[in-house]
C-alpha cells in the first residue's frame, strides 16, 4: 500500500504553519528515535527537533526561533497531531467505525 502524504494548516499567533503527515511508520520511528539512551524516557528536545525538521514544512523554524515556550508548545502540539494522523476528517480515517 502506498503512503499517502497529507498536509494541514493552522494559524498560531498570527503565523500560518503547514504540517505534513509522513505516514505512521515515520511517526513510530520518530518516537523510537527520541528516547533518551538507556532509559524509557522520551527526550522532548529530540522530538521537538524532529517535528520542526520533518513535520512542520512551513515556515522552517528552529527551537530558538520561538520567543516563548507557549508558542513553541502550540506549534509542537499541532505538528505532533498531524504526525500521528489526527488531523484528518473522520471519513478519511478508514480504520475507525
Protein backbone atom coordinates (compact mmCIF):
# COMPACT_ATOMS: atom_id res chain seq x y z
CA UNK A 1 0.00 0.00 0.00
CA UNK A 2 1.40 3.39 -0.99
CA UNK A 3 1.90 6.06 1.64
CA UNK A 4 -0.45 8.99 1.43
CA UNK A 5 1.07 12.29 2.41
CA UNK A 6 -1.31 14.93 3.70
CA UNK A 7 -0.82 18.49 4.80
CA UNK A 8 -2.75 20.58 7.30
CA UNK A 9 -2.61 24.27 8.08
CA UNK A 10 -3.09 26.15 11.33
CA UNK A 11 -2.55 29.73 12.33
CA UNK A 12 -0.74 30.16 15.64
CA UNK A 13 0.00 33.64 17.00
CA UNK A 14 -0.51 35.19 13.56
CA UNK A 15 1.77 32.76 11.70
CA UNK A 16 0.39 30.14 9.31
CA UNK A 17 2.02 26.75 9.87
CA UNK A 18 1.85 23.91 7.38
CA UNK A 19 2.47 20.40 8.68
CA UNK A 20 2.86 17.21 6.66
CA UNK A 21 1.72 13.71 7.60
CA UNK A 22 4.55 11.38 6.53
CA UNK A 23 2.92 8.06 7.40
CA UNK A 24 2.51 6.09 10.60
CA UNK A 25 5.83 4.28 10.27
CA UNK A 26 7.59 7.68 10.24
CA UNK A 27 5.65 8.69 13.37
CA UNK A 28 6.64 5.48 15.16
CA UNK A 29 10.29 5.89 14.14
CA UNK A 30 10.25 9.49 15.39
CA UNK A 31 9.12 8.35 18.83
CA UNK A 32 11.60 5.45 18.88
CA UNK A 33 14.47 7.78 17.91
CA UNK A 34 13.50 10.27 20.63
CA UNK A 35 14.22 8.02 23.60
CA UNK A 36 16.98 9.07 25.97
CA UNK A 37 19.66 6.40 25.68
CA UNK A 38 19.47 3.80 28.41
CA UNK A 39 16.07 4.93 29.65
CA UNK A 40 12.40 4.59 28.81
CA UNK A 41 12.00 8.38 28.73
CA UNK A 42 11.36 10.43 25.63
CA UNK A 43 13.57 13.45 25.03
CA UNK A 44 11.39 16.50 24.49
CA UNK A 45 14.26 18.20 22.68
CA UNK A 46 14.80 15.30 20.25
CA UNK A 47 11.09 15.00 19.44
CA UNK A 48 10.69 18.78 19.09
CA UNK A 49 13.63 18.95 16.67
CA UNK A 50 12.20 16.06 14.65
CA UNK A 51 8.80 17.72 14.36
CA UNK A 52 10.28 21.09 13.36
CA UNK A 53 12.60 19.49 10.79
CA UNK A 54 10.29 16.83 9.30
CA UNK A 55 6.65 17.63 10.05
CA UNK A 56 6.36 21.43 10.07
CA UNK A 57 7.18 22.23 6.44
CA UNK A 58 6.29 25.95 6.50
CA UNK A 59 7.72 28.12 7.86
CA UNK A 60 11.01 26.39 8.65
CA UNK A 61 11.97 27.24 12.22
CA UNK A 62 14.34 26.01 14.90
CA UNK A 63 13.60 25.82 18.62
CA UNK A 64 15.37 29.10 19.37
CA UNK A 65 13.35 30.95 16.72
CA UNK A 66 10.39 30.97 19.13
CA UNK A 67 10.09 33.71 21.72
CA UNK A 68 8.02 31.77 24.26
CA UNK A 69 7.55 28.17 25.33
CA UNK A 70 3.80 28.69 24.97
CA UNK A 71 4.11 29.39 21.24
CA UNK A 72 6.65 26.58 20.71
CA UNK A 73 4.41 24.12 22.57
CA UNK A 74 1.36 25.13 20.49
CA UNK A 75 3.28 24.51 17.25
CA UNK A 76 4.65 21.19 18.50
CA UNK A 77 1.18 20.02 19.63
CA UNK A 78 -0.16 20.84 16.16
CA UNK A 79 2.81 19.11 14.48
CA UNK A 80 2.51 16.02 16.65
CA UNK A 81 -1.22 15.68 15.96
CA UNK A 82 -0.53 15.84 12.22
CA UNK A 83 2.40 13.42 12.60
CA UNK A 84 0.02 10.94 14.25
CA UNK A 85 -2.68 11.39 11.58
CA UNK A 86 -5.16 13.02 13.96
CA UNK A 87 -5.90 15.99 11.70
CA UNK A 88 -7.85 14.05 9.09
CA UNK A 89 -11.62 14.10 8.87
CA UNK A 90 -13.45 11.05 10.23
CA UNK A 91 -14.44 9.98 6.71
CA UNK A 92 -10.75 9.81 5.72
CA UNK A 93 -9.53 7.74 8.66
CA UNK A 94 -10.65 4.40 7.27
CA UNK A 95 -9.89 2.33 10.36
CA UNK A 96 -12.50 3.94 12.58
CA UNK A 97 -16.11 2.87 12.54
